[in-house]
Amino acid sequence: MALQLSNGLVFLHVPKTGGQSIRSVLQSMNLLASEDDMPFIGEVEWPFRNDTTDPNIIPHATCRGVGVDPDCCFAFVRHPLNWYRSQWAFTMTKRGSLESFLATPPGPDEIDSIGVGDFADWVEMRLQVYPEGMVSKLYSTYTEGIGLVGKLERLSQDLACLLGIPNLQLPRVNSSDPQFLSQAVYPRQLADRVLAAEQWAMHQFGYEVSEVEEFIL
């Protein structure tokens, strides 16, 4: 998703960082130059494939993919450990149950690919495939060159500051089922390994382990 604002800015949606809520607010306040996503003019970036045919999957755009100056773009990130929790819970929510989750074949994008249903095992699989840190790879790909990167943890405040609109309220859109989020808890050793792999994202965006201690056993 890449949305052109009337003031010339472009919102780039990093997966699982509140993009649908941001779209809803921009639409409701008539801040968009067009309600349609900006068209891709270059390659569709990892983790999405160029041959995506599922109409329910809209590849997330980079400034390179839509051919705009990164200085005109803004995006949001979230704590790496929470990103894994949110992605797993969201995927489980879409499948409806652990049984259908396991029975459904992989989708066309790597982020949403189906693996084992248990959260810890799912994270383990991603660490094996992406020892450099899946979230770090994602963030570095989608925020490269962008000077305006806010945090999902303070989404309303950061977006209000960026747009110059005080007291901005954002709706919750496309949320994961709380029952799955409650299951997305890290054993301490696994959390330490994820943090080691995601050092780039942790440092680059100023995140601390203390912000997610409640999700670590």
Protein backbone atom coordinates (compact mmCIF):
# COMPACT_ATOMS: atom_id res chain seq x y z
CA MET A 1 0.00 0.00 0.00
CA ALA A 2 1.23 3.45 -0.97
CA LEU A 3 -1.12 6.42 -0.52
CA GLN A 4 -0.54 9.87 -1.98
CA LEU A 5 -1.64 12.72 0.28
CA SER A 6 -2.88 16.02 -1.06
CA ASN A 7 0.08 17.80 0.57
CA GLY A 8 2.57 15.75 -1.46
CA LEU A 9 3.53 13.23 1.23
CA VAL A 10 3.29 9.51 0.54
CA PHE A 11 2.33 6.97 3.19
CA LEU A 12 4.08 3.61 2.82
CA HIS A 13 2.51 0.79 4.80
CA VAL A 14 5.01 -1.57 6.43
CA PRO A 15 3.15 -4.86 7.10
CA LYS A 16 1.49 -5.11 10.53
CA THR A 17 2.02 -1.48 11.57
CA GLY A 18 -1.51 -0.05 11.62
CA GLY A 19 -1.80 0.74 7.93
CA GLN A 20 -5.54 0.16 7.62
CA SER A 21 -6.23 2.44 10.58
CA ILE A 22 -4.09 5.13 8.99
CA ARG A 23 -5.85 4.71 5.65
CA SER A 24 -9.22 5.06 7.38
CA VAL A 25 -8.22 8.33 9.06
CA LEU A 26 -6.68 9.81 5.92
CA GLN A 27 -9.83 8.95 3.98
CA SER A 28 -12.24 10.29 6.60
CA MET A 29 -10.35 13.60 6.81
CA ASN A 30 -10.17 13.96 3.01
CA LEU A 31 -6.38 14.13 3.08
CA LEU A 32 -5.75 11.81 0.13
CA ALA A 33 -5.03 12.97 -3.40
CA SER A 34 -6.61 9.70 -4.53
CA GLU A 35 -8.24 6.90 -2.57
CA ASP A 36 -6.57 4.34 -4.82
CA ASP A 37 -3.18 2.87 -4.01
CA MET A 38 -0.34 4.33 -6.04
CA PRO A 39 0.60 1.97 -8.89
CA PHE A 40 3.83 0.02 -8.84
CA ILE A 41 6.29 1.06 -11.54
CA GLY A 42 9.18 -1.11 -10.37
CA GLU A 43 9.77 -4.44 -8.72
CA VAL A 44 7.47 -5.66 -5.96
CA GLU A 45 9.79 -5.84 -2.94
CA TRP A 46 10.41 -8.80 -0.63
CA PRO A 47 8.52 -10.55 0.90
CA PHE A 48 5.96 -10.30 -1.90
CA ARG A 49 6.25 -11.97 -5.26
CA ASN A 50 5.63 -10.34 -8.60
CA ASP A 51 3.31 -13.19 -9.56
CA THR A 52 0.87 -12.59 -6.70
CA THR A 53 -2.59 -13.42 -8.02
CA ASP A 54 -4.61 -13.53 -4.80
CA PRO A 55 -6.97 -10.48 -4.99
CA ASN A 56 -7.02 -10.35 -1.18
CA ILE A 57 -3.29 -9.63 -1.05
CA ILE A 58 -2.11 -6.13 -1.90
CA PRO A 59 1.69 -5.98 -1.87
CA HIS A 60 3.13 -3.36 0.42
CA ALA A 61 5.05 -0.70 -1.48
CA THR A 62 8.48 0.87 -1.11
CA CYS A 63 9.49 4.27 -2.43
CA ARG A 64 11.48 2.44 -5.13
CA GLY A 65 8.46 0.38 -6.14
CA VAL A 66 6.29 3.44 -6.75
CA GLY A 67 9.11 5.70 -7.93
CA VAL A 68 8.89 8.54 -5.41
CA ASP A 69 11.48 10.52 -3.46
CA PRO A 70 12.00 8.87 -0.04
CA ASP A 71 12.19 12.34 1.50
CA CYS A 72 8.48 12.70 0.71
CA CYS A 73 7.54 9.41 2.38
CA PHE A 74 6.55 8.35 5.87
CA ALA A 75 5.99 4.97 7.48
CA PHE A 76 5.54 3.29 10.86
CA VAL A 77 7.25 0.42 12.67
CA ARG A 78 6.53 -1.53 15.84
CA HIS A 79 8.63 -3.35 18.44
CA PRO A 80 10.20 -6.38 16.71
CA LEU A 81 8.98 -8.86 19.33
CA ASN A 82 5.46 -7.47 19.03
CA TRP A 83 5.69 -7.66 15.25
CA TYR A 84 6.12 -11.44 15.43
CA ARG A 85 3.23 -11.72 17.89
CA SER A 86 0.95 -9.62 15.70
CA GLN A 87 1.80 -11.42 12.47
CA TRP A 88 1.26 -14.87 13.98
CA ALA A 89 -2.03 -13.86 15.64
CA PHE A 90 -3.25 -12.17 12.45
CA THR A 91 -2.50 -15.25 10.37
CA MET A 92 -4.19 -17.50 12.92
CA THR A 93 -7.20 -15.14 12.97
CA LYS A 94 -7.55 -15.37 9.20
CA ARG A 95 -7.45 -19.18 9.31
CA GLY A 96 -10.11 -19.27 12.03
CA SER A 97 -8.67 -22.17 14.00
CA LEU A 98 -5.49 -24.11 14.53
CA GLU A 99 -6.92 -27.01 12.50
CA SER A 100 -7.72 -24.89 9.44
CA PHE A 101 -4.41 -23.03 9.90
CA LEU A 102 -2.51 -26.31 9.58
CA ALA A 103 -4.70 -27.56 6.73
CA THR A 104 -4.35 -24.44 4.57
CA PRO A 105 -1.50 -24.46 2.03
CA PRO A 106 1.03 -21.62 1.95
CA GLY A 107 -0.09 -18.32 0.50
CA PRO A 108 1.85 -16.42 -2.18
CA ASP A 109 3.70 -14.10 0.21
CA GLU A 110 6.41 -15.25 2.57
CA ILE A 111 5.22 -13.30 5.61
CA ASP A 112 1.89 -15.09 5.55
CA SER A 113 3.25 -18.52 4.68
CA ILE A 114 1.80 -21.25 6.83
CA GLY A 115 4.05 -23.16 9.14
CA VAL A 116 3.41 -24.91 12.40
CA GLY A 117 0.57 -23.51 14.47
CA ASP A 118 2.38 -23.10 17.78
CA PHE A 119 3.70 -19.54 18.22
CA ALA A 120 7.13 -20.48 19.57
CA ASP A 121 7.66 -23.05 16.81
CA TRP A 122 6.52 -20.52 14.20
CA VAL A 123 9.08 -17.99 15.46
CA GLU A 124 11.77 -20.69 15.52
CA MET A 125 11.09 -21.41 11.86
CA ARG A 126 11.50 -17.75 10.96
CA LEU A 127 14.78 -17.54 12.86
CA GLN A 128 16.07 -20.50 10.88
CA VAL A 129 15.07 -18.98 7.54
CA TYR A 130 16.06 -15.41 8.45
CA PRO A 131 19.01 -15.54 10.88
CA GLU A 132 19.68 -11.88 10.05
CA GLY A 133 16.28 -11.02 11.55
CA MET A 134 13.07 -11.12 9.53
CA VAL A 135 11.81 -7.84 11.00
CA SER A 136 15.17 -6.11 10.52
CA LYS A 137 15.17 -7.23 6.89
CA LEU A 138 11.59 -6.04 6.46
CA TYR A 139 12.17 -2.66 8.10
CA SER A 140 15.45 -1.98 6.30
CA THR A 141 13.76 -2.78 2.97
CA TYR A 142 10.69 -0.62 3.52
CA THR A 143 12.17 2.36 5.38
CA GLU A 144 15.41 2.78 3.44
CA GLY A 145 16.06 6.48 2.94
CA ILE A 146 12.86 7.57 4.71
CA GLY A 147 13.42 10.27 7.32
CA LEU A 148 9.89 10.19 8.76
CA VAL A 149 9.38 6.88 10.56
CA GLY A 150 6.92 6.81 13.45
CA LYS A 151 6.12 4.10 15.99
CA LEU A 152 2.91 2.14 16.18
CA GLU A 153 3.14 2.31 19.97
CA ARG A 154 2.44 6.05 19.74
CA LEU A 155 0.60 6.03 16.44
CA SER A 156 -1.95 8.75 17.22
CA GLN A 157 0.66 11.16 18.56
CA ASP A 158 3.19 10.61 15.79
CA LEU A 159 0.62 10.83 12.99
CA ALA A 160 -0.97 13.93 14.55
CA CYS A 161 2.44 15.59 14.72
CA LEU A 162 3.26 14.64 11.16
CA LEU A 163 -0.04 15.93 9.78
CA GLY A 164 -0.24 18.96 12.07
CA ILE A 165 -3.63 17.83 13.42
CA PRO A 166 -4.00 17.87 17.23
CA ASN A 167 -6.04 15.30 19.17
CA LEU A 168 -6.11 12.81 16.33
CA GLN A 169 -8.04 9.62 17.11
CA LEU A 170 -7.49 6.44 15.13
CA PRO A 171 -9.93 3.52 14.86
CA ARG A 172 -8.72 -0.06 15.26
CA VAL A 173 -8.99 -1.74 11.88
CA ASN A 174 -7.93 -5.24 10.78
CA SER A 175 -7.09 -6.28 14.33
CA SER A 176 -6.05 -9.77 15.36
CA ASP A 177 -8.21 -11.99 17.56
CA PRO A 178 -7.24 -11.36 21.23
CA GLN A 179 -7.36 -15.11 21.96
CA PHE A 180 -4.42 -15.66 19.61
CA LEU A 181 -2.48 -12.64 20.86
CA SER A 182 -2.79 -14.02 24.39
CA GLN A 183 -1.13 -17.23 23.20
CA ALA A 184 1.77 -15.39 21.56
CA VAL A 185 4.17 -15.50 24.52
CA TYR A 186 7.93 -16.00 24.30
CA PRO A 187 9.97 -18.42 26.36
CA ARG A 188 12.87 -16.34 27.71
CA GLN A 189 15.52 -18.16 25.69
CA LEU A 190 13.57 -17.69 22.47
CA ALA A 191 13.04 -14.00 23.18
CA ASP A 192 16.78 -13.58 23.71
CA ARG A 193 17.51 -15.23 20.37
CA VAL A 194 14.97 -13.06 18.56
CA LEU A 195 16.43 -9.93 20.16
CA ALA A 196 19.93 -10.97 19.12
CA ALA A 197 18.75 -11.48 15.53
CA GLU A 198 16.83 -8.19 15.52
CA GLN A 199 19.55 -5.95 16.92
CA TRP A 200 19.48 -3.72 13.85
CA ALA A 201 15.77 -2.93 14.17
CA MET A 202 15.99 -2.57 17.96
CA HIS A 203 18.84 -0.07 17.70
CA GLN A 204 17.69 1.73 14.58
CA PHE A 205 14.28 2.60 16.03
CA GLY A 206 15.18 2.88 19.71
CA TYR A 207 13.31 -0.08 21.17
CA GLU A 208 14.02 -1.64 24.57
CA VAL A 209 13.43 -5.15 25.93
CA SER A 210 11.58 -3.67 28.91
CA GLU A 211 8.74 -2.59 26.60
CA VAL A 212 7.68 -6.21 26.00
CA GLU A 213 8.62 -7.99 29.25
CA GLU A 214 4.98 -8.92 29.84
CA PHE A 215 5.11 -11.22 26.80
CA ILE A 216 8.23 -13.11 27.92
CA LEU A 217 8.00 -16.08 30.27
